[in-house]
Amino acid sequence: MKLVHCIWEDACELDEGPWTNRKADPSTPTIFHQVGYLYELTPHAVVLTACVGEEQMGPRTRIPIGMVRRLIELTEGEPVKIPKQRKARK
């Protein structure tokens, strides 16, 4: 599976409570950035999962294609060096 960065706009509640300011800007979108493995891409939706194993995978997220702003494939780079753990003193 390809690793991707998905930028998508979410539907959201604009107001809380029974009253709101009429001058509040309702046109400001709620944008999310999500990285995951591309499980499925159709004309209707992008489906991502956070982790993939030999026979199992993590929960999937379905994002309707109309909410997707950009889908960027991430490529492998240099491995990140993992620091060595120090031994605990007694």
N, C-alpha and C. Protein backbone atom coordinates (compact mmCIF):
# COMPACT_ATOMS: atom_id res chain seq x y z
N MET A 1 0.84 -1.19 0.00
CA MET A 1 0.00 0.00 0.00
C MET A 1 0.88 1.25 0.00
N LYS A 2 0.39 2.27 -0.67
CA LYS A 2 1.13 3.54 -0.73
C LYS A 2 0.87 4.35 0.54
N LEU A 3 1.90 5.04 0.99
CA LEU A 3 1.78 5.97 2.11
C LEU A 3 1.46 7.33 1.53
N VAL A 4 0.38 7.98 2.04
CA VAL A 4 -0.06 9.25 1.47
C VAL A 4 -0.34 10.29 2.56
N HIS A 5 -0.32 11.54 2.13
CA HIS A 5 -0.71 12.69 2.95
C HIS A 5 -2.00 13.21 2.33
N CYS A 6 -3.09 13.13 3.08
CA CYS A 6 -4.39 13.56 2.58
C CYS A 6 -4.78 14.87 3.27
N ILE A 7 -5.08 15.88 2.49
CA ILE A 7 -5.55 17.17 3.02
C ILE A 7 -7.02 17.25 2.68
N TRP A 8 -7.86 17.34 3.71
CA TRP A 8 -9.30 17.31 3.47
C TRP A 8 -10.05 18.28 4.34
N GLU A 9 -11.21 18.71 3.82
CA GLU A 9 -12.07 19.65 4.53
C GLU A 9 -13.20 18.88 5.20
N ASP A 10 -13.38 19.12 6.49
CA ASP A 10 -14.41 18.42 7.24
C ASP A 10 -15.68 19.24 7.33
N ALA A 11 -16.80 18.56 7.42
CA ALA A 11 -18.05 19.23 7.76
C ALA A 11 -17.99 19.50 9.26
N CYS A 12 -18.55 20.60 9.70
CA CYS A 12 -18.45 20.92 11.12
C CYS A 12 -19.61 21.80 11.57
N GLU A 13 -19.83 21.81 12.86
CA GLU A 13 -20.80 22.72 13.47
C GLU A 13 -20.15 24.10 13.49
N LEU A 14 -20.88 25.11 13.10
CA LEU A 14 -20.33 26.46 13.10
C LEU A 14 -20.56 27.18 14.42
N ASP A 15 -21.59 26.79 15.13
CA ASP A 15 -21.96 27.52 16.34
C ASP A 15 -22.21 26.56 17.51
N GLU A 16 -22.04 27.10 18.71
CA GLU A 16 -22.35 26.38 19.93
C GLU A 16 -23.38 27.17 20.71
N GLY A 17 -24.33 26.51 21.29
CA GLY A 17 -25.33 27.21 22.07
C GLY A 17 -26.48 27.70 21.23
N PRO A 18 -27.47 28.31 21.86
CA PRO A 18 -28.68 28.73 21.15
C PRO A 18 -28.53 30.04 20.37
N TRP A 19 -27.51 30.85 20.66
CA TRP A 19 -27.34 32.14 20.01
C TRP A 19 -25.96 32.24 19.39
N THR A 20 -25.88 32.99 18.28
CA THR A 20 -24.58 33.21 17.65
C THR A 20 -24.51 34.63 17.11
N ASN A 21 -23.29 35.11 16.93
CA ASN A 21 -23.04 36.43 16.40
C ASN A 21 -23.28 36.41 14.89
N ARG A 22 -24.12 37.30 14.38
CA ARG A 22 -24.43 37.33 12.96
C ARG A 22 -23.22 37.71 12.11
N LYS A 23 -22.22 38.34 12.72
CA LYS A 23 -21.03 38.76 11.97
C LYS A 23 -19.95 37.68 11.96
N ALA A 24 -20.19 36.54 12.59
CA ALA A 24 -19.20 35.45 12.59
C ALA A 24 -19.00 34.95 11.16
N ASP A 25 -17.76 34.59 10.81
CA ASP A 25 -17.42 34.17 9.44
C ASP A 25 -17.69 32.67 9.25
N PRO A 26 -18.78 32.31 8.55
CA PRO A 26 -19.08 30.90 8.33
C PRO A 26 -18.31 30.29 7.16
N SER A 27 -17.52 31.09 6.45
CA SER A 27 -16.83 30.58 5.26
C SER A 27 -15.44 30.01 5.56
N THR A 28 -14.99 30.06 6.83
CA THR A 28 -13.68 29.53 7.18
C THR A 28 -13.77 28.01 7.29
N PRO A 29 -13.09 27.26 6.39
CA PRO A 29 -13.19 25.81 6.42
C PRO A 29 -12.39 25.18 7.56
N THR A 30 -12.78 23.97 7.94
CA THR A 30 -12.03 23.17 8.90
C THR A 30 -11.20 22.19 8.08
N ILE A 31 -9.88 22.39 8.06
CA ILE A 31 -8.98 21.59 7.23
C ILE A 31 -8.20 20.62 8.12
N PHE A 32 -8.10 19.37 7.67
CA PHE A 32 -7.32 18.35 8.37
C PHE A 32 -6.22 17.83 7.47
N HIS A 33 -5.11 17.46 8.09
CA HIS A 33 -3.99 16.81 7.41
C HIS A 33 -3.89 15.42 8.02
N GLN A 34 -3.96 14.39 7.19
CA GLN A 34 -3.93 13.02 7.68
C GLN A 34 -2.95 12.21 6.85
N VAL A 35 -2.09 11.47 7.54
CA VAL A 35 -1.13 10.58 6.88
C VAL A 35 -1.56 9.15 7.14
N GLY A 36 -1.54 8.33 6.11
CA GLY A 36 -1.91 6.93 6.29
C GLY A 36 -1.62 6.13 5.04
N TYR A 37 -1.90 4.83 5.16
CA TYR A 37 -1.73 3.93 4.02
C TYR A 37 -3.01 3.96 3.20
N LEU A 38 -2.86 4.11 1.89
CA LEU A 38 -4.00 4.19 0.99
C LEU A 38 -4.57 2.80 0.77
N TYR A 39 -5.69 2.51 1.40
CA TYR A 39 -6.33 1.20 1.28
C TYR A 39 -7.16 1.14 0.00
N GLU A 40 -7.86 2.24 -0.29
CA GLU A 40 -8.72 2.26 -1.48
C GLU A 40 -8.91 3.70 -1.96
N LEU A 41 -8.94 3.87 -3.27
CA LEU A 41 -9.22 5.16 -3.88
C LEU A 41 -10.23 4.92 -4.99
N THR A 42 -11.42 5.53 -4.86
CA THR A 42 -12.48 5.37 -5.85
C THR A 42 -12.97 6.76 -6.25
N PRO A 43 -13.83 6.85 -7.25
CA PRO A 43 -14.40 8.16 -7.59
C PRO A 43 -15.26 8.73 -6.48
N HIS A 44 -15.56 7.91 -5.46
CA HIS A 44 -16.44 8.35 -4.38
C HIS A 44 -15.72 8.64 -3.06
N ALA A 45 -14.58 7.98 -2.82
CA ALA A 45 -13.94 8.12 -1.50
C ALA A 45 -12.48 7.72 -1.51
N VAL A 46 -11.77 8.24 -0.49
CA VAL A 46 -10.41 7.81 -0.15
C VAL A 46 -10.54 7.04 1.16
N VAL A 47 -9.93 5.85 1.21
CA VAL A 47 -9.96 5.06 2.44
C VAL A 47 -8.52 4.87 2.90
N LEU A 48 -8.24 5.31 4.14
CA LEU A 48 -6.90 5.23 4.71
C LEU A 48 -6.91 4.33 5.94
N THR A 49 -5.74 3.75 6.23
CA THR A 49 -5.53 3.02 7.48
C THR A 49 -4.20 3.47 8.06
N ALA A 50 -4.10 3.44 9.39
CA ALA A 50 -2.91 3.96 10.05
C ALA A 50 -1.76 2.95 10.10
N CYS A 51 -2.07 1.67 10.11
CA CYS A 51 -1.00 0.67 10.19
C CYS A 51 -1.40 -0.60 9.45
N VAL A 52 -0.38 -1.30 8.92
CA VAL A 52 -0.60 -2.48 8.11
C VAL A 52 0.34 -3.58 8.56
N GLY A 53 -0.21 -4.78 8.78
CA GLY A 53 0.60 -5.95 9.13
C GLY A 53 0.45 -7.01 8.06
N GLU A 54 1.03 -8.20 8.31
CA GLU A 54 0.96 -9.30 7.35
C GLU A 54 -0.49 -9.71 7.08
N GLU A 55 -1.30 -9.87 8.14
CA GLU A 55 -2.67 -10.33 7.98
C GLU A 55 -3.72 -9.39 8.57
N GLN A 56 -3.28 -8.34 9.24
CA GLN A 56 -4.21 -7.41 9.87
C GLN A 56 -3.83 -5.98 9.55
N MET A 57 -4.76 -5.08 9.82
CA MET A 57 -4.48 -3.66 9.68
C MET A 57 -5.30 -2.89 10.71
N GLY A 58 -4.95 -1.61 10.90
CA GLY A 58 -5.67 -0.77 11.83
C GLY A 58 -7.03 -0.37 11.27
N PRO A 59 -7.83 0.32 12.09
CA PRO A 59 -9.14 0.78 11.64
C PRO A 59 -9.00 1.69 10.41
N ARG A 60 -9.98 1.63 9.54
CA ARG A 60 -9.96 2.43 8.30
C ARG A 60 -10.77 3.72 8.48
N THR A 61 -10.36 4.75 7.76
CA THR A 61 -11.06 6.03 7.72
C THR A 61 -11.51 6.26 6.29
N ARG A 62 -12.80 6.55 6.10
CA ARG A 62 -13.35 6.83 4.77
C ARG A 62 -13.62 8.33 4.67
N ILE A 63 -13.02 8.97 3.67
CA ILE A 63 -13.19 10.40 3.43
C ILE A 63 -13.86 10.57 2.07
N PRO A 64 -15.06 11.14 2.02
CA PRO A 64 -15.72 11.35 0.73
C PRO A 64 -14.83 12.18 -0.20
N ILE A 65 -14.78 11.81 -1.47
CA ILE A 65 -13.87 12.45 -2.43
C ILE A 65 -14.15 13.95 -2.57
N GLY A 66 -15.37 14.38 -2.36
CA GLY A 66 -15.70 15.80 -2.46
C GLY A 66 -15.07 16.64 -1.35
N MET A 67 -14.62 15.99 -0.27
CA MET A 67 -13.98 16.70 0.84
C MET A 67 -12.46 16.75 0.69
N VAL A 68 -11.91 15.95 -0.22
CA VAL A 68 -10.46 15.86 -0.39
C VAL A 68 -9.96 17.05 -1.19
N ARG A 69 -9.01 17.79 -0.60
CA ARG A 69 -8.39 18.93 -1.29
C ARG A 69 -7.16 18.48 -2.09
N ARG A 70 -6.31 17.63 -1.46
CA ARG A 70 -5.09 17.13 -2.10
C ARG A 70 -4.77 15.75 -1.55
N LEU A 71 -4.17 14.91 -2.39
CA LEU A 71 -3.69 13.60 -1.99
C LEU A 71 -2.28 13.46 -2.52
N ILE A 72 -1.31 13.38 -1.62
CA ILE A 72 0.10 13.41 -2.00
C ILE A 72 0.76 12.10 -1.60
N GLU A 73 1.35 11.39 -2.56
CA GLU A 73 2.07 10.16 -2.23
C GLU A 73 3.39 10.52 -1.57
N LEU A 74 3.69 9.87 -0.46
CA LEU A 74 4.95 10.08 0.24
C LEU A 74 5.94 9.01 -0.20
N THR A 75 7.17 9.40 -0.42
CA THR A 75 8.18 8.45 -0.88
C THR A 75 9.14 8.15 0.25
N GLU A 76 9.78 7.01 0.13
CA GLU A 76 10.75 6.61 1.16
C GLU A 76 11.98 7.48 1.06
N GLY A 77 12.49 7.86 2.21
CA GLY A 77 13.72 8.64 2.27
C GLY A 77 14.75 7.86 3.06
N GLU A 78 15.66 8.57 3.64
CA GLU A 78 16.67 7.93 4.48
C GLU A 78 16.04 7.49 5.79
N PRO A 79 16.43 6.33 6.31
CA PRO A 79 15.90 5.89 7.60
C PRO A 79 16.28 6.88 8.71
N VAL A 80 15.36 7.07 9.66
CA VAL A 80 15.61 7.95 10.80
C VAL A 80 16.44 7.16 11.81
N LYS A 81 17.51 7.77 12.29
CA LYS A 81 18.37 7.09 13.26
C LYS A 81 17.66 7.06 14.62
N ILE A 82 17.52 5.88 15.18
CA ILE A 82 16.87 5.71 16.46
C ILE A 82 17.93 5.78 17.55
N PRO A 83 17.78 6.69 18.53
CA PRO A 83 18.80 6.81 19.58
C PRO A 83 18.84 5.56 20.45
N LYS A 84 20.04 5.25 20.93
CA LYS A 84 20.21 4.11 21.81
C LYS A 84 19.76 4.48 23.21
N GLN A 85 19.18 3.51 23.89
CA GLN A 85 18.74 3.75 25.27
C GLN A 85 19.93 3.65 26.21
N ARG A 86 19.92 4.51 27.20
CA ARG A 86 20.97 4.44 28.21
C ARG A 86 20.58 3.42 29.26
N LYS A 87 21.56 2.76 29.80
CA LYS A 87 21.29 1.79 30.86
C LYS A 87 20.95 2.55 32.14
N ALA A 88 19.96 2.07 32.83
CA ALA A 88 19.53 2.71 34.08
C ALA A 88 20.55 2.44 35.17
N ARG A 89 20.81 3.47 35.97
CA ARG A 89 21.74 3.31 37.12
C ARG A 89 20.97 2.75 38.28
N LYS A 90 21.64 1.93 39.06
CA LYS A 90 21.01 1.37 40.26
C LYS A 90 21.39 2.11 41.49
